[in-house]
């Protein structure tokens, strides 16, 4: 380095001085950069691409739980089941083998709901089915990519299965209108009950403005509509056939429904 500087016409003494200054600057820069560079090197060493994690994150962005039936602690079970089902669908493009598939019923439900309420917008495909013997499953509605999913426990009774199929399907059609899950569920119930329970027929049963509903009345109404009485009462409240006070009192004092012979039917509607 000194000889090179001498060739430039600089004296040996002056060239040595320049060399000392350059080495000081280089060493100083190295000392300042070392901690940052070391930290960056350590960080890059810790970050290793994980193809499986990238796939999971990608699929998660396409999953959306809309409504989970039951108490809040059941949400984790329903989400886990939904993840498993959609993972199987994504990898094999076939309906999971343990899902009891119901194509025709859900198509009929979607048609009836859209006829009742023009606001509903459904994805191109709605998958509905039942799972048997799955611990923690209470039922849910969700979206995956361009699909709507409705999953229910196979152990549900017929009247609850039909009711929840309608409510959960309605939540898929209304999803774009509501950011809150609770608001979505409330409106989905309202729309589903309006489709299942014609106003005129509800008024036939609740037209007497009763304040209390004996077991015989509850059984008769429930058997006629083939739906749980507490949801029929909700529909009566929605249309103003009962007051909020009456509905609340009867919700708090629910009595078991006993089977009885249907005595009253003023409509040609089939049960």
C-alpha atoms as a PDB file:
ATOM      1  CA  UNK A   1       0.000   0.000   0.000  1.00  0.00           C
ATOM      2  CA  UNK A   2       2.887   2.386   0.891  1.00  0.00           C
ATOM      3  CA  UNK A   3       4.701   1.608  -2.371  1.00  0.00           C
ATOM      4  CA  UNK A   4       1.519   2.344  -4.287  1.00  0.00           C
ATOM      5  CA  UNK A   5       1.237   5.735  -2.586  1.00  0.00           C
ATOM      6  CA  UNK A   6       4.932   6.424  -3.368  1.00  0.00           C
ATOM      7  CA  UNK A   7       4.223   5.829  -7.030  1.00  0.00           C
ATOM      8  CA  UNK A   8       1.638   8.573  -6.778  1.00  0.00           C
ATOM      9  CA  UNK A   9       4.453  10.952  -5.804  1.00  0.00           C
ATOM     10  CA  UNK A  10       3.882  10.943  -2.039  1.00  0.00           C
ATOM     11  CA  UNK A  11       6.728  10.643   0.413  1.00  0.00           C
ATOM     12  CA  UNK A  12       7.235   7.498   2.439  1.00  0.00           C
ATOM     13  CA  UNK A  13       6.503   9.323   5.699  1.00  0.00           C
ATOM     14  CA  UNK A  14       3.342  10.922   4.365  1.00  0.00           C
ATOM     15  CA  UNK A  15       2.236   7.657   2.791  1.00  0.00           C
ATOM     16  CA  UNK A  16       2.621   5.893   6.134  1.00  0.00           C
ATOM     17  CA  UNK A  17       0.481   8.517   7.835  1.00  0.00           C
ATOM     18  CA  UNK A  18      -2.306   8.057   5.255  1.00  0.00           C
ATOM     19  CA  UNK A  19      -2.170   4.272   5.708  1.00  0.00           C
ATOM     20  CA  UNK A  20      -2.548   4.575   9.491  1.00  0.00           C
ATOM     21  CA  UNK A  21      -5.592   6.848   9.064  1.00  0.00           C
ATOM     22  CA  UNK A  22      -7.223   4.447   6.586  1.00  0.00           C
ATOM     23  CA  UNK A  23      -6.727   1.455   8.870  1.00  0.00           C
ATOM     24  CA  UNK A  24      -8.236   3.390  11.803  1.00  0.00           C
ATOM     25  CA  UNK A  25     -11.324   4.270   9.752  1.00  0.00           C
ATOM     26  CA  UNK A  26     -11.749   0.674   8.566  1.00  0.00           C
ATOM     27  CA  UNK A  27     -11.411  -0.746  12.089  1.00  0.00           C
ATOM     28  CA  UNK A  28     -13.769   1.871  13.488  1.00  0.00           C
ATOM     29  CA  UNK A  29     -16.434   1.051  10.875  1.00  0.00           C
ATOM     30  CA  UNK A  30     -16.067  -2.671  11.559  1.00  0.00           C
ATOM     31  CA  UNK A  31     -16.588  -2.146  15.298  1.00  0.00           C
ATOM     32  CA  UNK A  32     -19.734  -0.083  14.670  1.00  0.00           C
ATOM     33  CA  UNK A  33     -21.248  -2.507  12.172  1.00  0.00           C
ATOM     34  CA  UNK A  34     -20.498  -5.760  13.931  1.00  0.00           C
ATOM     35  CA  UNK A  35     -23.389  -5.779  16.496  1.00  0.00           C
ATOM     36  CA  UNK A  36     -26.029  -4.943  13.873  1.00  0.00           C
ATOM     37  CA  UNK A  37     -24.634  -7.404  11.379  1.00  0.00           C
ATOM     38  CA  UNK A  38     -24.337 -10.092  14.031  1.00  0.00           C
ATOM     39  CA  UNK A  39     -27.927  -9.534  15.124  1.00  0.00           C
ATOM     40  CA  UNK A  40     -29.187  -9.700  11.547  1.00  0.00           C
ATOM     41  CA  UNK A  41     -27.185 -12.864  10.931  1.00  0.00           C
ATOM     42  CA  UNK A  42     -28.641 -14.510  14.040  1.00  0.00           C
ATOM     43  CA  UNK A  43     -32.173 -13.487  13.035  1.00  0.00           C
ATOM     44  CA  UNK A  44     -31.805 -14.952   9.558  1.00  0.00           C
ATOM     45  CA  UNK A  45     -30.425 -18.146  11.069  1.00  0.00           C
ATOM     46  CA  UNK A  46     -33.556 -18.496  13.194  1.00  0.00           C
ATOM     47  CA  UNK A  47     -35.953 -17.856  10.297  1.00  0.00           C
ATOM     48  CA  UNK A  48     -36.325 -21.015   8.267  1.00  0.00           C
ATOM     49  CA  UNK A  49     -39.039 -21.312   5.596  1.00  0.00           C
ATOM     50  CA  UNK A  50     -41.716 -23.815   6.608  1.00  0.00           C
ATOM     51  CA  UNK A  51     -43.805 -24.911   3.637  1.00  0.00           C
ATOM     52  CA  UNK A  52     -46.436 -26.532   5.862  1.00  0.00           C
ATOM     53  CA  UNK A  53     -46.912 -23.357   7.898  1.00  0.00           C
ATOM     54  CA  UNK A  54     -47.267 -21.274   4.731  1.00  0.00           C
ATOM     55  CA  UNK A  55     -49.979 -23.652   3.499  1.00  0.00           C
ATOM     56  CA  UNK A  56     -51.849 -23.490   6.806  1.00  0.00           C
ATOM     57  CA  UNK A  57     -51.730 -19.684   6.869  1.00  0.00           C
ATOM     58  CA  UNK A  58     -52.914 -19.533   3.252  1.00  0.00           C
ATOM     59  CA  UNK A  59     -55.895 -21.783   3.915  1.00  0.00           C
ATOM     60  CA  UNK A  60     -56.741 -19.989   7.165  1.00  0.00           C
ATOM     61  CA  UNK A  61     -57.279 -16.768   5.241  1.00  0.00           C
ATOM     62  CA  UNK A  62     -60.092 -18.486   3.341  1.00  0.00           C
ATOM     63  CA  UNK A  63     -61.838 -19.877   6.426  1.00  0.00           C
ATOM     64  CA  UNK A  64     -64.502 -17.896   8.254  1.00  0.00           C
ATOM     65  CA  UNK A  65     -66.681 -19.146  11.090  1.00  0.00           C
ATOM     66  CA  UNK A  66     -70.039 -17.346  10.938  1.00  0.00           C
ATOM     67  CA  UNK A  67     -72.278 -18.856  13.627  1.00  0.00           C
ATOM     68  CA  UNK A  68     -71.438 -21.437  16.277  1.00  0.00           C
ATOM     69  CA  UNK A  69     -74.448 -22.901  18.092  1.00  0.00           C
ATOM     70  CA  UNK A  70     -74.406 -23.455  21.831  1.00  0.00           C
ATOM     71  CA  UNK A  71     -72.298 -21.849  24.540  1.00  0.00           C
ATOM     72  CA  UNK A  72     -69.098 -19.907  23.855  1.00  0.00           C
ATOM     73  CA  UNK A  73     -66.874 -22.798  24.979  1.00  0.00           C
ATOM     74  CA  UNK A  74     -68.194 -24.898  22.070  1.00  0.00           C
ATOM     75  CA  UNK A  75     -66.688 -22.536  19.506  1.00  0.00           C
ATOM     76  CA  UNK A  76     -63.236 -24.129  19.755  1.00  0.00           C
ATOM     77  CA  UNK A  77     -64.706 -27.587  19.029  1.00  0.00           C
ATOM     78  CA  UNK A  78     -66.684 -26.359  16.043  1.00  0.00           C
ATOM     79  CA  UNK A  79     -63.699 -24.465  14.620  1.00  0.00           C
ATOM     80  CA  UNK A  80     -61.477 -27.526  14.985  1.00  0.00           C
ATOM     81  CA  UNK A  81     -64.025 -29.711  13.179  1.00  0.00           C
ATOM     82  CA  UNK A  82     -64.419 -27.130  10.410  1.00  0.00           C
ATOM     83  CA  UNK A  83     -60.642 -26.970   9.938  1.00  0.00           C
ATOM     84  CA  UNK A  84     -60.414 -30.749   9.659  1.00  0.00           C
ATOM     85  CA  UNK A  85     -63.249 -30.964   7.134  1.00  0.00           C
ATOM     86  CA  UNK A  86     -61.884 -28.206   4.914  1.00  0.00           C
ATOM     87  CA  UNK A  87     -58.353 -29.623   5.071  1.00  0.00           C
ATOM     88  CA  UNK A  88     -59.743 -32.922   3.760  1.00  0.00           C
ATOM     89  CA  UNK A  89     -61.702 -31.115   1.077  1.00  0.00           C
ATOM     90  CA  UNK A  90     -58.657 -29.074   0.024  1.00  0.00           C
ATOM     91  CA  UNK A  91     -56.379 -32.101  -0.268  1.00  0.00           C
ATOM     92  CA  UNK A  92     -58.786 -34.549  -1.956  1.00  0.00           C
ATOM     93  CA  UNK A  93     -61.569 -32.383  -3.444  1.00  0.00           C
ATOM     94  CA  UNK A  94     -64.178 -34.845  -2.201  1.00  0.00           C
ATOM     95  CA  UNK A  95     -66.738 -34.667   0.597  1.00  0.00           C
ATOM     96  CA  UNK A  96     -65.191 -36.166   3.783  1.00  0.00           C
ATOM     97  CA  UNK A  97     -66.251 -39.784   4.150  1.00  0.00           C
ATOM     98  CA  UNK A  98     -67.764 -39.325   7.622  1.00  0.00           C
ATOM     99  CA  UNK A  99     -69.969 -36.402   6.539  1.00  0.00           C
ATOM    100  CA  UNK A 100     -73.557 -37.502   5.920  1.00  0.00           C
ATOM    101  CA  UNK A 101     -74.177 -35.314   2.881  1.00  0.00           C
ATOM    102  CA  UNK A 102     -77.528 -33.585   2.352  1.00  0.00           C
ATOM    103  CA  UNK A 103     -77.625 -31.806  -0.998  1.00  0.00           C
ATOM    104  CA  UNK A 104     -81.341 -31.661  -1.816  1.00  0.00           C
ATOM    105  CA  UNK A 105     -82.602 -30.414   1.585  1.00  0.00           C
ATOM    106  CA  UNK A 106     -80.204 -27.472   1.726  1.00  0.00           C
ATOM    107  CA  UNK A 107     -81.012 -26.468  -1.852  1.00  0.00           C
ATOM    108  CA  UNK A 108     -84.694 -26.367  -0.938  1.00  0.00           C
ATOM    109  CA  UNK A 109     -83.899 -24.337   2.191  1.00  0.00           C
ATOM    110  CA  UNK A 110     -81.807 -21.811   0.235  1.00  0.00           C
ATOM    111  CA  UNK A 111     -84.599 -21.413  -2.321  1.00  0.00           C
ATOM    112  CA  UNK A 112     -87.247 -20.848   0.362  1.00  0.00           C
ATOM    113  CA  UNK A 113     -85.098 -18.371   2.288  1.00  0.00           C
ATOM    114  CA  UNK A 114     -84.301 -16.312  -0.808  1.00  0.00           C
ATOM    115  CA  UNK A 115     -87.984 -16.244  -1.686  1.00  0.00           C
ATOM    116  CA  UNK A 116     -88.759 -14.943   1.805  1.00  0.00           C
ATOM    117  CA  UNK A 117     -85.984 -12.313   1.930  1.00  0.00           C
ATOM    118  CA  UNK A 118     -84.355 -10.808  -1.166  1.00  0.00           C
ATOM    119  CA  UNK A 119     -81.354  -9.550   0.833  1.00  0.00           C
ATOM    120  CA  UNK A 120     -79.843 -13.020   1.124  1.00  0.00           C
ATOM    121  CA  UNK A 121     -76.794 -13.632  -1.076  1.00  0.00           C
ATOM    122  CA  UNK A 122     -75.446 -17.174  -1.134  1.00  0.00           C
ATOM    123  CA  UNK A 123     -72.129 -18.445  -2.510  1.00  0.00           C
ATOM    124  CA  UNK A 124     -72.148 -20.617  -5.622  1.00  0.00           C
ATOM    125  CA  UNK A 125     -72.121 -23.805  -3.530  1.00  0.00           C
ATOM    126  CA  UNK A 126     -73.560 -24.609  -0.113  1.00  0.00           C
ATOM    127  CA  UNK A 127     -72.454 -27.835   1.551  1.00  0.00           C
ATOM    128  CA  UNK A 128     -74.674 -29.163   4.346  1.00  0.00           C
ATOM    129  CA  UNK A 129     -74.199 -32.351   6.269  1.00  0.00           C
ATOM    130  CA  UNK A 130     -74.221 -34.173   9.586  1.00  0.00           C
ATOM    131  CA  UNK A 131     -71.526 -35.808  11.671  1.00  0.00           C
ATOM    132  CA  UNK A 132     -72.240 -38.635  14.060  1.00  0.00           C
ATOM    133  CA  UNK A 133     -70.552 -39.212  17.405  1.00  0.00           C
ATOM    134  CA  UNK A 134     -68.316 -36.114  17.322  1.00  0.00           C
ATOM    135  CA  UNK A 135     -67.577 -34.819  20.820  1.00  0.00           C
ATOM    136  CA  UNK A 136     -68.235 -31.123  21.310  1.00  0.00           C
ATOM    137  CA  UNK A 137     -70.016 -30.570  17.978  1.00  0.00           C
ATOM    138  CA  UNK A 138     -73.082 -28.362  18.410  1.00  0.00           C
ATOM    139  CA  UNK A 139     -73.497 -27.149  14.830  1.00  0.00           C
ATOM    140  CA  UNK A 140     -72.139 -24.220  12.873  1.00  0.00           C
ATOM    141  CA  UNK A 141     -72.255 -22.201   9.678  1.00  0.00           C
ATOM    142  CA  UNK A 142     -69.034 -21.128   7.993  1.00  0.00           C
ATOM    143  CA  UNK A 143     -67.472 -20.106   4.704  1.00  0.00           C
ATOM    144  CA  UNK A 144     -64.509 -21.652   2.928  1.00  0.00           C
ATOM    145  CA  UNK A 145     -63.323 -20.068  -0.309  1.00  0.00           C
ATOM    146  CA  UNK A 146     -66.476 -19.807  -2.481  1.00  0.00           C
ATOM    147  CA  UNK A 147     -68.470 -22.318  -0.435  1.00  0.00           C
ATOM    148  CA  UNK A 148     -70.934 -22.100   2.411  1.00  0.00           C
ATOM    149  CA  UNK A 149     -70.789 -24.892   5.022  1.00  0.00           C
ATOM    150  CA  UNK A 150     -73.545 -25.999   7.414  1.00  0.00           C
ATOM    151  CA  UNK A 151     -72.623 -28.836   9.767  1.00  0.00           C
ATOM    152  CA  UNK A 152     -74.933 -30.335  12.403  1.00  0.00           C
ATOM    153  CA  UNK A 153     -74.752 -33.265  14.843  1.00  0.00           C
ATOM    154  CA  UNK A 154     -76.617 -36.280  13.472  1.00  0.00           C
ATOM    155  CA  UNK A 155     -78.034 -36.912  16.960  1.00  0.00           C
ATOM    156  CA  UNK A 156     -80.351 -33.860  16.837  1.00  0.00           C
ATOM    157  CA  UNK A 157     -84.085 -34.522  16.744  1.00  0.00           C
ATOM    158  CA  UNK A 158     -85.912 -33.860  13.482  1.00  0.00           C
ATOM    159  CA  UNK A 159     -87.507 -30.583  14.583  1.00  0.00           C
ATOM    160  CA  UNK A 160     -84.238 -29.077  15.804  1.00  0.00           C
ATOM    161  CA  UNK A 161     -82.353 -30.336  12.759  1.00  0.00           C
ATOM    162  CA  UNK A 162     -84.777 -28.594  10.399  1.00  0.00           C
ATOM    163  CA  UNK A 163     -84.794 -25.424  12.496  1.00  0.00           C
ATOM    164  CA  UNK A 164     -81.011 -25.111  12.781  1.00  0.00           C
ATOM    165  CA  UNK A 165     -80.481 -25.972   9.115  1.00  0.00           C
ATOM    166  CA  UNK A 166     -82.657 -22.972   8.203  1.00  0.00           C
ATOM    167  CA  UNK A 167     -81.042 -20.616  10.740  1.00  0.00           C
ATOM    168  CA  UNK A 168     -77.483 -21.547   9.789  1.00  0.00           C
ATOM    169  CA  UNK A 169     -78.220 -21.360   6.066  1.00  0.00           C
ATOM    170  CA  UNK A 170     -79.766 -17.916   6.556  1.00  0.00           C
ATOM    171  CA  UNK A 171     -76.603 -16.746   8.337  1.00  0.00           C
ATOM    172  CA  UNK A 172     -74.556 -17.588   5.233  1.00  0.00           C
ATOM    173  CA  UNK A 173     -76.842 -15.496   3.051  1.00  0.00           C
ATOM    174  CA  UNK A 174     -76.779 -12.561   5.487  1.00  0.00           C
ATOM    175  CA  UNK A 175     -73.064 -12.655   6.326  1.00  0.00           C
ATOM    176  CA  UNK A 176     -72.140  -9.702   4.124  1.00  0.00           C
ATOM    177  CA  UNK A 177     -74.497  -7.425   6.080  1.00  0.00           C
ATOM    178  CA  UNK A 178     -73.287  -8.065   9.641  1.00  0.00           C
ATOM    179  CA  UNK A 179     -69.836  -7.830  11.207  1.00  0.00           C
ATOM    180  CA  UNK A 180     -71.042  -9.015  14.643  1.00  0.00           C
ATOM    181  CA  UNK A 181     -71.677 -12.750  15.038  1.00  0.00           C
ATOM    182  CA  UNK A 182     -74.425 -12.129  17.589  1.00  0.00           C
ATOM    183  CA  UNK A 183     -76.237  -9.663  15.329  1.00  0.00           C
ATOM    184  CA  UNK A 184     -75.886 -12.106  12.435  1.00  0.00           C
ATOM    185  CA  UNK A 185     -77.384 -14.941  14.485  1.00  0.00           C
ATOM    186  CA  UNK A 186     -80.278 -12.763  15.683  1.00  0.00           C
ATOM    187  CA  UNK A 187     -81.198 -11.708  12.149  1.00  0.00           C
ATOM    188  CA  UNK A 188     -80.701 -15.221  10.762  1.00  0.00           C
ATOM    189  CA  UNK A 189     -83.176 -16.519  13.355  1.00  0.00           C
ATOM    190  CA  UNK A 190     -85.673 -13.844  12.369  1.00  0.00           C
ATOM    191  CA  UNK A 191     -85.416 -14.648   8.653  1.00  0.00           C
ATOM    192  CA  UNK A 192     -85.516 -18.425   9.161  1.00  0.00           C
ATOM    193  CA  UNK A 193     -88.543 -18.284  11.452  1.00  0.00           C
ATOM    194  CA  UNK A 194     -90.378 -16.027   8.997  1.00  0.00           C
ATOM    195  CA  UNK A 195     -89.792 -18.629   6.268  1.00  0.00           C
ATOM    196  CA  UNK A 196     -90.876 -21.556   8.464  1.00  0.00           C
ATOM    197  CA  UNK A 197     -93.808 -19.955  10.302  1.00  0.00           C
ATOM    198  CA  UNK A 198     -96.351 -18.024   8.202  1.00  0.00           C
ATOM    199  CA  UNK A 199     -97.633 -14.943  10.037  1.00  0.00           C
ATOM    200  CA  UNK A 200    -101.309 -15.732   9.505  1.00  0.00           C
ATOM    201  CA  UNK A 201    -100.985 -19.144  11.116  1.00  0.00           C
ATOM    202  CA  UNK A 202     -99.052 -17.803  14.089  1.00  0.00           C
ATOM    203  CA  UNK A 203    -101.784 -15.222  14.683  1.00  0.00           C
ATOM    204  CA  UNK A 204    -104.397 -17.992  14.636  1.00  0.00           C
ATOM    205  CA  UNK A 205    -102.730 -19.575  17.654  1.00  0.00           C
ATOM    206  CA  UNK A 206    -101.725 -16.425  19.524  1.00  0.00           C
ATOM    207  CA  UNK A 207    -104.695 -14.250  18.613  1.00  0.00           C
ATOM    208  CA  UNK A 208    -106.294 -14.593  22.043  1.00  0.00           C
ATOM    209  CA  UNK A 209    -103.469 -12.588  23.613  1.00  0.00           C
ATOM    210  CA  UNK A 210    -102.740 -15.192  26.248  1.00  0.00           C
ATOM    211  CA  UNK A 211    -100.288 -14.248  28.971  1.00  0.00           C
ATOM    212  CA  UNK A 212     -99.529 -17.829  30.020  1.00  0.00           C
ATOM    213  CA  UNK A 213     -99.238 -20.923  27.899  1.00  0.00           C
ATOM    214  CA  UNK A 214    -100.197 -24.254  29.517  1.00  0.00           C
ATOM    215  CA  UNK A 215     -98.531 -27.524  28.607  1.00  0.00           C
ATOM    216  CA  UNK A 216    -101.384 -28.559  26.336  1.00  0.00           C
ATOM    217  CA  UNK A 217    -101.110 -25.356  24.297  1.00  0.00           C
ATOM    218  CA  UNK A 218     -97.328 -25.634  23.990  1.00  0.00           C
ATOM    219  CA  UNK A 219     -97.564 -29.253  22.868  1.00  0.00           C
ATOM    220  CA  UNK A 220    -100.296 -28.518  20.354  1.00  0.00           C
ATOM    221  CA  UNK A 221     -98.486 -25.604  18.734  1.00  0.00           C
ATOM    222  CA  UNK A 222     -95.135 -27.392  18.690  1.00  0.00           C
ATOM    223  CA  UNK A 223     -96.657 -30.515  17.121  1.00  0.00           C
ATOM    224  CA  UNK A 224     -98.523 -28.486  14.509  1.00  0.00           C
ATOM    225  CA  UNK A 225     -95.447 -26.644  13.250  1.00  0.00           C
ATOM    226  CA  UNK A 226     -92.982 -29.448  14.106  1.00  0.00           C
ATOM    227  CA  UNK A 227     -90.728 -26.887  15.771  1.00  0.00           C
ATOM    228  CA  UNK A 228     -89.696 -26.191  19.391  1.00  0.00           C
ATOM    229  CA  UNK A 229     -92.201 -23.957  21.183  1.00  0.00           C
ATOM    230  CA  UNK A 230     -89.577 -21.424  22.340  1.00  0.00           C
ATOM    231  CA  UNK A 231     -88.781 -20.587  18.707  1.00  0.00           C
ATOM    232  CA  UNK A 232     -92.449 -20.375  17.763  1.00  0.00           C
ATOM    233  CA  UNK A 233     -92.827 -17.918  20.631  1.00  0.00           C
ATOM    234  CA  UNK A 234     -89.954 -15.875  19.189  1.00  0.00           C
ATOM    235  CA  UNK A 235     -91.796 -15.660  15.879  1.00  0.00           C
ATOM    236  CA  UNK A 236     -94.941 -14.531  17.683  1.00  0.00           C
ATOM    237  CA  UNK A 237     -92.879 -11.817  19.355  1.00  0.00           C
ATOM    238  CA  UNK A 238     -91.362 -10.713  16.033  1.00  0.00           C
ATOM    239  CA  UNK A 239     -94.800 -10.050  14.522  1.00  0.00           C
ATOM    240  CA  UNK A 240     -96.231  -8.462  17.689  1.00  0.00           C
ATOM    241  CA  UNK A 241     -98.617 -11.314  18.510  1.00  0.00           C
ATOM    242  CA  UNK A 242     -97.205 -11.396  22.058  1.00  0.00           C
ATOM    243  CA  UNK A 243     -95.522  -8.699  24.122  1.00  0.00           C
ATOM    244  CA  UNK A 244     -91.902  -8.703  25.233  1.00  0.00           C
ATOM    245  CA  UNK A 245     -93.043  -9.127  28.856  1.00  0.00           C
ATOM    246  CA  UNK A 246     -95.144 -12.201  28.041  1.00  0.00           C
ATOM    247  CA  UNK A 247     -92.387 -13.753  25.958  1.00  0.00           C
ATOM    248  CA  UNK A 248     -89.779 -13.144  28.671  1.00  0.00           C
ATOM    249  CA  UNK A 249     -91.988 -14.571  31.420  1.00  0.00           C
ATOM    250  CA  UNK A 250     -92.659 -17.723  29.443  1.00  0.00           C
ATOM    251  CA  UNK A 251     -88.993 -18.135  28.524  1.00  0.00           C
ATOM    252  CA  UNK A 252     -88.087 -18.011  32.203  1.00  0.00           C
ATOM    253  CA  UNK A 253     -90.828 -20.460  33.170  1.00  0.00           C
ATOM    254  CA  UNK A 254     -90.517 -23.044  30.465  1.00  0.00           C
ATOM    255  CA  UNK A 255     -92.289 -26.318  31.134  1.00  0.00           C
ATOM    256  CA  UNK A 256     -91.560 -29.667  29.496  1.00  0.00           C
ATOM    257  CA  UNK A 257     -93.634 -30.373  26.408  1.00  0.00           C
ATOM    258  CA  UNK A 258     -95.832 -33.452  26.704  1.00  0.00           C
ATOM    259  CA  UNK A 259     -97.210 -35.272  23.694  1.00  0.00           C
ATOM    260  CA  UNK A 260    -100.848 -34.517  23.007  1.00  0.00           C
ATOM    261  CA  UNK A 261    -103.399 -34.864  20.253  1.00  0.00           C
ATOM    262  CA  UNK A 262    -103.590 -31.909  17.889  1.00  0.00           C
ATOM    263  CA  UNK A 263    -106.986 -30.363  18.456  1.00  0.00           C
ATOM    264  CA  UNK A 264    -106.821 -27.133  16.542  1.00  0.00           C
ATOM    265  CA  UNK A 265    -105.924 -26.407  12.942  1.00  0.00           C
ATOM    266  CA  UNK A 266    -107.440 -23.537  11.065  1.00  0.00           C
ATOM    267  CA  UNK A 267    -105.088 -23.842   8.111  1.00  0.00           C
ATOM    268  CA  UNK A 268    -104.498 -26.331   5.335  1.00  0.00           C
ATOM    269  CA  UNK A 269    -100.763 -26.224   6.036  1.00  0.00           C
ATOM    270  CA  UNK A 270     -99.270 -29.675   6.588  1.00  0.00           C
ATOM    271  CA  UNK A 271     -97.397 -30.248   9.829  1.00  0.00           C
END
